[in-house]
Amino acid sequence: SIYEVRRDEKRFRRIHEFGPADVEFPVGRWFPFHRMTE
């Protein structure tokens, strides 16, 4: 997949997938996060 991450806004979204999804998040929808790894 390809993800767009906006660290300053603490949100991410999947914007493209190449094959079987590696996570169950729909493409295009923003999801908030509290923390992320480097």
All heavy atoms as atom14 arrays in JSON, in Angstrom:
{
  "sequence": "SIYEVRRDEKRFRRIHEFGPADVEFPVGRWFPFHRMTE",
  "atom14_mask": [
    [1, 1, 1, 1, 1, 1, 0, 0, 0, 0, 0, 0, 0, 0],
    [1, 1, 1, 1, 1, 1, 1, 1, 0, 0, 0, 0, 0, 0],
    [1, 1, 1, 1, 1, 1, 1, 1, 1, 1, 1, 1, 0, 0],
    [1, 1, 1, 1, 1, 1, 1, 1, 1, 0, 0, 0, 0, 0],
    [1, 1, 1, 1, 1, 1, 1, 0, 0, 0, 0, 0, 0, 0],
    [1, 1, 1, 1, 1, 1, 1, 1, 1, 1, 1, 0, 0, 0],
    [1, 1, 1, 1, 1, 1, 1, 1, 1, 1, 1, 0, 0, 0],
    [1, 1, 1, 1, 1, 1, 1, 1, 0, 0, 0, 0, 0, 0],
    [1, 1, 1, 1, 1, 1, 1, 1, 1, 0, 0, 0, 0, 0],
    [1, 1, 1, 1, 1, 1, 1, 1, 1, 0, 0, 0, 0, 0],
    [1, 1, 1, 1, 1, 1, 1, 1, 1, 1, 1, 0, 0, 0],
    [1, 1, 1, 1, 1, 1, 1, 1, 1, 1, 1, 0, 0, 0],
    [1, 1, 1, 1, 1, 1, 1, 1, 1, 1, 1, 0, 0, 0],
    [1, 1, 1, 1, 1, 1, 1, 1, 1, 1, 1, 0, 0, 0],
    [1, 1, 1, 1, 1, 1, 1, 1, 0, 0, 0, 0, 0, 0],
    [1, 1, 1, 1, 1, 1, 1, 1, 1, 1, 0, 0, 0, 0],
    [1, 1, 1, 1, 1, 1, 1, 1, 1, 0, 0, 0, 0, 0],
    [1, 1, 1, 1, 1, 1, 1, 1, 1, 1, 1, 0, 0, 0],
    [1, 1, 1, 1, 0, 0, 0, 0, 0, 0, 0, 0, 0, 0],
    [1, 1, 1, 1, 1, 1, 1, 0, 0, 0, 0, 0, 0, 0],
    [1, 1, 1, 1, 1, 0, 0, 0, 0, 0, 0, 0, 0, 0],
    [1, 1, 1, 1, 1, 1, 1, 1, 0, 0, 0, 0, 0, 0],
    [1, 1, 1, 1, 1, 1, 1, 0, 0, 0, 0, 0, 0, 0],
    [1, 1, 1, 1, 1, 1, 1, 1, 1, 0, 0, 0, 0, 0],
    [1, 1, 1, 1, 1, 1, 1, 1, 1, 1, 1, 0, 0, 0],
    [1, 1, 1, 1, 1, 1, 1, 0, 0, 0, 0, 0, 0, 0],
    [1, 1, 1, 1, 1, 1, 1, 0, 0, 0, 0, 0, 0, 0],
    [1, 1, 1, 1, 0, 0, 0, 0, 0, 0, 0, 0, 0, 0],
    [1, 1, 1, 1, 1, 1, 1, 1, 1, 1, 1, 0, 0, 0],
    [1, 1, 1, 1, 1, 1, 1, 1, 1, 1, 1, 1, 1, 1],
    [1, 1, 1, 1, 1, 1, 1, 1, 1, 1, 1, 0, 0, 0],
    [1, 1, 1, 1, 1, 1, 1, 0, 0, 0, 0, 0, 0, 0],
    [1, 1, 1, 1, 1, 1, 1, 1, 1, 1, 1, 0, 0, 0],
    [1, 1, 1, 1, 1, 1, 1, 1, 1, 1, 0, 0, 0, 0],
    [1, 1, 1, 1, 1, 1, 1, 1, 1, 1, 1, 0, 0, 0],
    [1, 1, 1, 1, 1, 1, 1, 1, 0, 0, 0, 0, 0, 0],
    [1, 1, 1, 1, 1, 1, 1, 0, 0, 0, 0, 0, 0, 0],
    [1, 1, 1, 1, 1, 1, 1, 1, 1, 0, 0, 0, 0, 0]
  ],
  "atom14_positions": [
    [[0.82, -1.22, 0.0], [0.0, 0.0, 0.0], [0.85, 1.26, 0.0], [2.05, 1.21, 0.26], [-0.9, 0.04, 1.25], [-1.76, -1.05, 1.31], [0.0, 0.0, 0.0], [0.0, 0.0, 0.0], [0.0, 0.0, 0.0], [0.0, 0.0, 0.0], [0.0, 0.0, 0.0], [0.0, 0.0, 0.0], [0.0, 0.0, 0.0], [0.0, 0.0, 0.0]],
    [[0.19, 2.38, -0.27], [0.8, 3.7, -0.12], [-0.06, 4.47, 0.88], [-1.29, 4.46, 0.8], [0.85, 4.47, -1.45], [1.67, 3.71, -2.48], [1.44, 5.87, -1.25], [1.64, 4.33, -3.87], [0.0, 0.0, 0.0], [0.0, 0.0, 0.0], [0.0, 0.0, 0.0], [0.0, 0.0, 0.0], [0.0, 0.0, 0.0], [0.0, 0.0, 0.0]],
    [[0.6, 5.12, 1.83], [-0.06, 5.88, 2.87], [0.35, 7.34, 2.79], [1.5, 7.64, 2.48], [0.34, 5.37, 4.27], [-0.1, 3.96, 4.55], [0.68, 2.89, 4.13], [-1.28, 3.71, 5.22], [0.28, 1.59, 4.37], [-1.69, 2.41, 5.48], [-0.9, 1.36, 5.05], [-1.3, 0.07, 5.29], [0.0, 0.0, 0.0], [0.0, 0.0, 0.0]],
    [[-0.59, 8.22, 3.11], [-0.27, 9.62, 3.33], [-0.39, 9.84, 4.83], [-1.4, 9.47, 5.44], [-1.24, 10.53, 2.6], [-0.98, 12.0, 2.86], [-1.96, 12.93, 2.16], [-2.92, 12.45, 1.53], [-1.76, 14.15, 2.26], [0.0, 0.0, 0.0], [0.0, 0.0, 0.0], [0.0, 0.0, 0.0], [0.0, 0.0, 0.0], [0.0, 0.0, 0.0]],
    [[0.65, 10.4, 5.44], [0.66, 10.63, 6.88], [0.85, 12.12, 7.13], [1.77, 12.73, 6.58], [1.79, 9.84, 7.57], [1.81, 10.12, 9.06], [1.65, 8.35, 7.3], [0.0, 0.0, 0.0], [0.0, 0.0, 0.0], [0.0, 0.0, 0.0], [0.0, 0.0, 0.0], [0.0, 0.0, 0.0], [0.0, 0.0, 0.0], [0.0, 0.0, 0.0]],
    [[-0.01, 12.68, 7.93], [0.12, 14.08, 8.35], [0.41, 14.07, 9.84], [-0.52, 14.06, 10.66], [-1.14, 14.85, 8.01], [-1.34, 14.93, 6.51], [-2.35, 15.95, 6.12], [-2.5, 15.98, 4.68], [-3.52, 16.56, 4.07], [-4.45, 17.15, 4.78], [-3.59, 16.56, 2.77], [0.0, 0.0, 0.0], [0.0, 0.0, 0.0], [0.0, 0.0, 0.0]],
    [[1.69, 14.03, 10.17], [2.1, 13.92, 11.58], [1.62, 15.1, 12.41], [1.2, 14.92, 13.55], [3.62, 13.82, 11.68], [4.14, 12.47, 11.35], [5.62, 12.44, 11.53], [5.99, 11.15, 12.07], [7.23, 10.77, 12.26], [8.22, 11.59, 11.99], [7.49, 9.58, 12.74], [0.0, 0.0, 0.0], [0.0, 0.0, 0.0], [0.0, 0.0, 0.0]],
    [[1.68, 16.31, 11.85], [1.26, 17.49, 12.61], [-0.23, 17.44, 12.94], [-0.67, 17.97, 13.96], [1.62, 18.77, 11.87], [1.02, 18.84, 10.47], [0.79, 17.78, 9.84], [0.77, 19.96, 9.99], [0.0, 0.0, 0.0], [0.0, 0.0, 0.0], [0.0, 0.0, 0.0], [0.0, 0.0, 0.0], [0.0, 0.0, 0.0], [0.0, 0.0, 0.0]],
    [[-1.02, 16.8, 12.1], [-2.46, 16.66, 12.33], [-2.81, 15.33, 12.99], [-3.98, 15.07, 13.28], [-3.21, 16.79, 11.01], [-3.01, 18.13, 10.33], [-3.63, 18.18, 8.94], [-4.51, 17.33, 8.63], [-3.25, 19.06, 8.16], [0.0, 0.0, 0.0], [0.0, 0.0, 0.0], [0.0, 0.0, 0.0], [0.0, 0.0, 0.0], [0.0, 0.0, 0.0]],
    [[-1.81, 14.45, 13.16], [-1.98, 13.12, 13.75], [-3.08, 12.32, 13.06], [-4.02, 11.83, 13.68], [-2.23, 13.22, 15.25], [-1.02, 13.73, 16.0], [-1.14, 13.48, 17.47], [0.15, 13.92, 18.11], [0.7, 12.95, 19.0], [0.0, 0.0, 0.0], [0.0, 0.0, 0.0], [0.0, 0.0, 0.0], [0.0, 0.0, 0.0], [0.0, 0.0, 0.0]],
    [[-2.92, 12.19, 11.75], [-3.86, 11.37, 10.99], [-3.15, 10.74, 9.8], [-2.12, 11.23, 9.34], [-5.08, 12.18, 10.55], [-4.78, 13.32, 9.61], [-6.04, 14.12, 9.36], [-5.82, 15.15, 8.36], [-6.71, 15.54, 7.47], [-7.91, 15.0, 7.45], [-6.42, 16.48, 6.6], [0.0, 0.0, 0.0], [0.0, 0.0, 0.0], [0.0, 0.0, 0.0]],
    [[-3.72, 9.64, 9.3], [-3.15, 8.94, 8.15], [-4.28, 8.34, 7.32], [-5.4, 8.19, 7.79], [-2.19, 7.82, 8.61], [-2.86, 6.62, 9.21], [-3.12, 5.48, 8.45], [-3.24, 6.61, 10.55], [-3.74, 4.38, 9.01], [-3.85, 5.51, 11.12], [-4.1, 4.39, 10.35], [0.0, 0.0, 0.0], [0.0, 0.0, 0.0], [0.0, 0.0, 0.0]],
    [[-3.94, 8.01, 6.08], [-4.9, 7.32, 5.21], [-4.13, 6.48, 4.2], [-3.01, 6.81, 3.81], [-5.82, 8.29, 4.49], [-5.12, 9.19, 3.5], [-6.09, 10.13, 2.83], [-5.39, 11.08, 1.97], [-5.94, 11.72, 0.98], [-7.22, 11.54, 0.71], [-5.24, 12.55, 0.25], [0.0, 0.0, 0.0], [0.0, 0.0, 0.0], [0.0, 0.0, 0.0]],
    [[-4.74, 5.37, 3.81], [-4.21, 4.58, 2.7], [-4.71, 5.24, 1.43], [-5.89, 5.56, 1.31], [-4.74, 3.15, 2.75], [-3.87, 2.26, 3.56], [-4.27, 0.81, 3.54], [-5.58, 0.52, 3.01], [-5.86, -0.49, 2.21], [-4.93, -1.32, 1.85], [-7.07, -0.71, 1.79], [0.0, 0.0, 0.0], [0.0, 0.0, 0.0], [0.0, 0.0, 0.0]],
    [[-3.81, 5.45, 0.47], [-4.24, 6.13, -0.75], [-4.12, 5.25, -1.99], [-4.59, 5.62, -3.05], [-3.46, 7.45, -0.96], [-1.96, 7.23, -0.91], [-3.88, 8.47, 0.09], [-1.13, 8.47, -1.2], [0.0, 0.0, 0.0], [0.0, 0.0, 0.0], [0.0, 0.0, 0.0], [0.0, 0.0, 0.0], [0.0, 0.0, 0.0], [0.0, 0.0, 0.0]],
    [[-3.52, 4.06, -1.82], [-3.41, 3.14, -2.95], [-3.02, 1.77, -2.41], [-2.31, 1.68, -1.41], [-2.34, 3.63, -3.94], [-2.22, 2.79, -5.17], [-3.22, 2.69, -6.11], [-1.22, 1.99, -5.61], [-2.82, 1.88, -7.09], [-1.62, 1.45, -6.79], [0.0, 0.0, 0.0], [0.0, 0.0, 0.0], [0.0, 0.0, 0.0], [0.0, 0.0, 0.0]],
    [[-3.5, 0.71, -3.05], [-3.07, -0.64, -2.69], [-2.64, -1.39, -3.93], [-3.17, -1.17, -5.02], [-4.16, -1.39, -1.92], [-5.44, -1.59, -2.68], [-6.51, -2.23, -1.83], [-6.55, -1.99, -0.61], [-7.33, -2.97, -2.41], [0.0, 0.0, 0.0], [0.0, 0.0, 0.0], [0.0, 0.0, 0.0], [0.0, 0.0, 0.0], [0.0, 0.0, 0.0]],
    [[-1.62, -2.24, -3.77], [-1.05, -2.98, -4.89], [-1.6, -4.4, -5.0], [-1.54, -5.01, -6.03], [0.48, -3.09, -4.76], [1.17, -1.77, -4.73], [1.79, -1.34, -3.58], [1.18, -0.94, -5.83], [2.44, -0.12, -3.53], [1.82, 0.28, -5.79], [2.45, 0.68, -4.63], [0.0, 0.0, 0.0], [0.0, 0.0, 0.0], [0.0, 0.0, 0.0]],
    [[-2.03, -4.96, -3.93], [-2.48, -6.34, -3.91], [-3.32, -6.56, -2.67], [-4.06, -5.68, -2.28], [0.0, 0.0, 0.0], [0.0, 0.0, 0.0], [0.0, 0.0, 0.0], [0.0, 0.0, 0.0], [0.0, 0.0, 0.0], [0.0, 0.0, 0.0], [0.0, 0.0, 0.0], [0.0, 0.0, 0.0], [0.0, 0.0, 0.0], [0.0, 0.0, 0.0]],
    [[-3.14, -7.72, -2.04], [-3.91, -7.96, -0.81], [-3.61, -6.87, 0.22], [-2.46, -6.48, 0.42], [-3.38, -9.3, -0.32], [-2.69, -9.92, -1.5], [-2.25, -8.8, -2.38], [0.0, 0.0, 0.0], [0.0, 0.0, 0.0], [0.0, 0.0, 0.0], [0.0, 0.0, 0.0], [0.0, 0.0, 0.0], [0.0, 0.0, 0.0], [0.0, 0.0, 0.0]],
    [[-4.67, -6.37, 0.82], [-4.5, -5.28, 1.8], [-3.69, -5.76, 2.99], [-3.9, -6.86, 3.49], [-5.87, -4.79, 2.25], [0.0, 0.0, 0.0], [0.0, 0.0, 0.0], [0.0, 0.0, 0.0], [0.0, 0.0, 0.0], [0.0, 0.0, 0.0], [0.0, 0.0, 0.0], [0.0, 0.0, 0.0], [0.0, 0.0, 0.0], [0.0, 0.0, 0.0]],
    [[-2.76, -4.92, 3.45], [-1.98, -5.27, 4.63], [-2.68, -4.84, 5.91], [-2.31, -5.27, 6.99], [-0.56, -4.69, 4.56], [-0.51, -3.22, 4.21], [-1.56, -2.64, 3.89], [0.59, -2.65, 4.25], [0.0, 0.0, 0.0], [0.0, 0.0, 0.0], [0.0, 0.0, 0.0], [0.0, 0.0, 0.0], [0.0, 0.0, 0.0], [0.0, 0.0, 0.0]],
    [[-3.7, -4.02, 5.79], [-4.53, -3.61, 6.93], [-5.97, -3.49, 6.44], [-6.22, -3.47, 5.25], [-4.07, -2.26, 7.53], [-2.7, -2.39, 8.15], [-4.11, -1.16, 6.52], [0.0, 0.0, 0.0], [0.0, 0.0, 0.0], [0.0, 0.0, 0.0], [0.0, 0.0, 0.0], [0.0, 0.0, 0.0], [0.0, 0.0, 0.0], [0.0, 0.0, 0.0]],
    [[-6.9, -3.4, 7.37], [-8.31, -3.36, 7.02], [-8.88, -1.95, 6.95], [-10.04, -1.74, 7.24], [-9.11, -4.19, 8.03], [-8.76, -5.66, 8.0], [-9.04, -6.3, 6.64], [-10.09, -6.0, 6.03], [-8.2, -7.08, 6.19], [0.0, 0.0, 0.0], [0.0, 0.0, 0.0], [0.0, 0.0, 0.0], [0.0, 0.0, 0.0], [0.0, 0.0, 0.0]],
    [[-8.08, -0.97, 6.59], [-8.55, 0.4, 6.48], [-8.9, 0.69, 5.03], [-8.1, 0.45, 4.13], [-7.48, 1.38, 6.96], [-7.21, 1.29, 8.43], [-6.08, 0.66, 8.9], [-8.11, 1.83, 9.33], [-5.83, 0.57, 10.26], [-7.87, 1.74, 10.7], [-6.74, 1.12, 11.16], [0.0, 0.0, 0.0], [0.0, 0.0, 0.0], [0.0, 0.0, 0.0]],
    [[-10.11, 1.23, 4.79], [-10.48, 1.54, 3.41], [-9.59, 2.62, 2.8], [-9.11, 3.5, 3.5], [-11.92, 2.02, 3.52], [-12.24, 2.15, 4.95], [-11.14, 1.55, 5.75], [0.0, 0.0, 0.0], [0.0, 0.0, 0.0], [0.0, 0.0, 0.0], [0.0, 0.0, 0.0], [0.0, 0.0, 0.0], [0.0, 0.0, 0.0], [0.0, 0.0, 0.0]],
    [[-9.38, 2.52, 1.51], [-8.57, 3.5, 0.79], [-9.28, 4.85, 0.81], [-10.48, 4.93, 0.58], [-8.33, 3.02, -0.66], [-7.66, 4.11, -1.49], [-7.48, 1.76, -0.67], [0.0, 0.0, 0.0], [0.0, 0.0, 0.0], [0.0, 0.0, 0.0], [0.0, 0.0, 0.0], [0.0, 0.0, 0.0], [0.0, 0.0, 0.0], [0.0, 0.0, 0.0]],
    [[-8.52, 5.91, 1.1], [-9.04, 7.27, 1.02], [-9.56, 7.86, 2.31], [-9.63, 9.08, 2.44], [0.0, 0.0, 0.0], [0.0, 0.0, 0.0], [0.0, 0.0, 0.0], [0.0, 0.0, 0.0], [0.0, 0.0, 0.0], [0.0, 0.0, 0.0], [0.0, 0.0, 0.0], [0.0, 0.0, 0.0], [0.0, 0.0, 0.0], [0.0, 0.0, 0.0]],
    [[-9.93, 7.05, 3.28], [-10.5, 7.57, 4.52], [-9.4, 7.92, 5.52], [-8.47, 7.16, 5.71], [-11.44, 6.53, 5.13], [-12.12, 7.04, 6.35], [-13.2, 6.08, 6.82], [-13.56, 6.45, 8.19], [-13.99, 5.61, 9.07], [-14.15, 4.33, 8.76], [-14.28, 6.01, 10.28], [0.0, 0.0, 0.0], [0.0, 0.0, 0.0], [0.0, 0.0, 0.0]],
    [[-9.53, 9.08, 6.16], [-8.55, 9.52, 7.17], [-8.84, 8.84, 8.49], [-10.0, 8.69, 8.88], [-8.62, 11.03, 7.36], [-8.03, 11.8, 6.24], [-8.71, 12.45, 5.25], [-6.64, 12.02, 5.98], [-7.82, 13.06, 4.38], [-6.54, 12.81, 4.82], [-5.46, 11.63, 6.62], [-5.34, 13.22, 4.28], [-4.25, 12.03, 6.09], [-4.19, 12.81, 4.94]],
    [[-7.76, 8.46, 9.2], [-7.87, 7.86, 10.53], [-6.94, 8.6, 11.48], [-5.79, 8.86, 11.14], [-7.48, 6.38, 10.5], [-8.45, 5.55, 9.71], [-8.24, 5.32, 8.36], [-9.58, 5.02, 10.32], [-9.14, 4.58, 7.63], [-10.49, 4.27, 9.59], [-10.27, 4.05, 8.25], [0.0, 0.0, 0.0], [0.0, 0.0, 0.0], [0.0, 0.0, 0.0]],
    [[-7.43, 8.94, 12.67], [-6.57, 9.63, 13.63], [-5.64, 8.64, 14.34], [-5.94, 7.45, 14.41], [-7.57, 10.22, 14.64], [-8.74, 9.28, 14.58], [-8.79, 8.79, 13.15], [0.0, 0.0, 0.0], [0.0, 0.0, 0.0], [0.0, 0.0, 0.0], [0.0, 0.0, 0.0], [0.0, 0.0, 0.0], [0.0, 0.0, 0.0], [0.0, 0.0, 0.0]],
    [[-4.52, 9.12, 14.82], [-3.64, 8.29, 15.64], [-3.09, 9.14, 16.78], [-3.03, 10.37, 16.68], [-2.51, 7.65, 14.82], [-1.51, 8.61, 14.22], [-0.39, 9.01, 14.93], [-1.69, 9.1, 12.93], [0.53, 9.88, 14.38], [-0.77, 9.98, 12.37], [0.34, 10.37, 13.09], [0.0, 0.0, 0.0], [0.0, 0.0, 0.0], [0.0, 0.0, 0.0]],
    [[-2.71, 8.49, 17.84], [-2.11, 9.18, 18.99], [-0.6, 9.18, 18.88], [0.06, 10.15, 19.21], [-2.55, 8.48, 20.29], [-2.02, 9.12, 21.53], [-2.49, 10.32, 22.0], [-1.04, 8.75, 22.37], [-1.83, 10.65, 23.08], [-0.94, 9.71, 23.34], [0.0, 0.0, 0.0], [0.0, 0.0, 0.0], [0.0, 0.0, 0.0], [0.0, 0.0, 0.0]],
    [[-0.04, 8.07, 18.37], [1.4, 7.93, 18.24], [1.69, 7.0, 17.07], [0.88, 6.15, 16.74], [1.97, 7.34, 19.53], [3.47, 7.3, 19.6], [3.96, 6.82, 20.96], [3.9, 5.39, 21.16], [4.77, 4.52, 20.65], [5.74, 4.93, 19.88], [4.65, 3.24, 20.91], [0.0, 0.0, 0.0], [0.0, 0.0, 0.0], [0.0, 0.0, 0.0]],
    [[2.86, 7.18, 16.47], [3.3, 6.25, 15.42], [4.79, 5.97, 15.6], [5.51, 6.79, 16.16], [3.03, 6.79, 14.02], [3.85, 7.99, 13.62], [3.54, 8.59, 11.94], [4.56, 7.51, 10.98], [0.0, 0.0, 0.0], [0.0, 0.0, 0.0], [0.0, 0.0, 0.0], [0.0, 0.0, 0.0], [0.0, 0.0, 0.0], [0.0, 0.0, 0.0]],
    [[5.23, 4.81, 15.12], [6.65, 4.49, 15.18], [7.35, 5.22, 14.05], [6.73, 5.69, 13.09], [6.89, 2.98, 15.05], [6.3, 2.51, 13.82], [6.28, 2.21, 16.22], [0.0, 0.0, 0.0], [0.0, 0.0, 0.0], [0.0, 0.0, 0.0], [0.0, 0.0, 0.0], [0.0, 0.0, 0.0], [0.0, 0.0, 0.0], [0.0, 0.0, 0.0]],
    [[8.68, 5.33, 14.15], [9.46, 5.97, 13.09], [9.39, 5.12, 11.83], [9.54, 3.9, 11.89], [10.91, 6.14, 13.51], [11.14, 7.28, 14.46], [10.68, 8.61, 13.9], [11.03, 8.96, 12.75], [9.96, 9.33, 14.61], [0.0, 0.0, 0.0], [0.0, 0.0, 0.0], [0.0, 0.0, 0.0], [0.0, 0.0, 0.0], [0.0, 0.0, 0.0]]
  ]
}
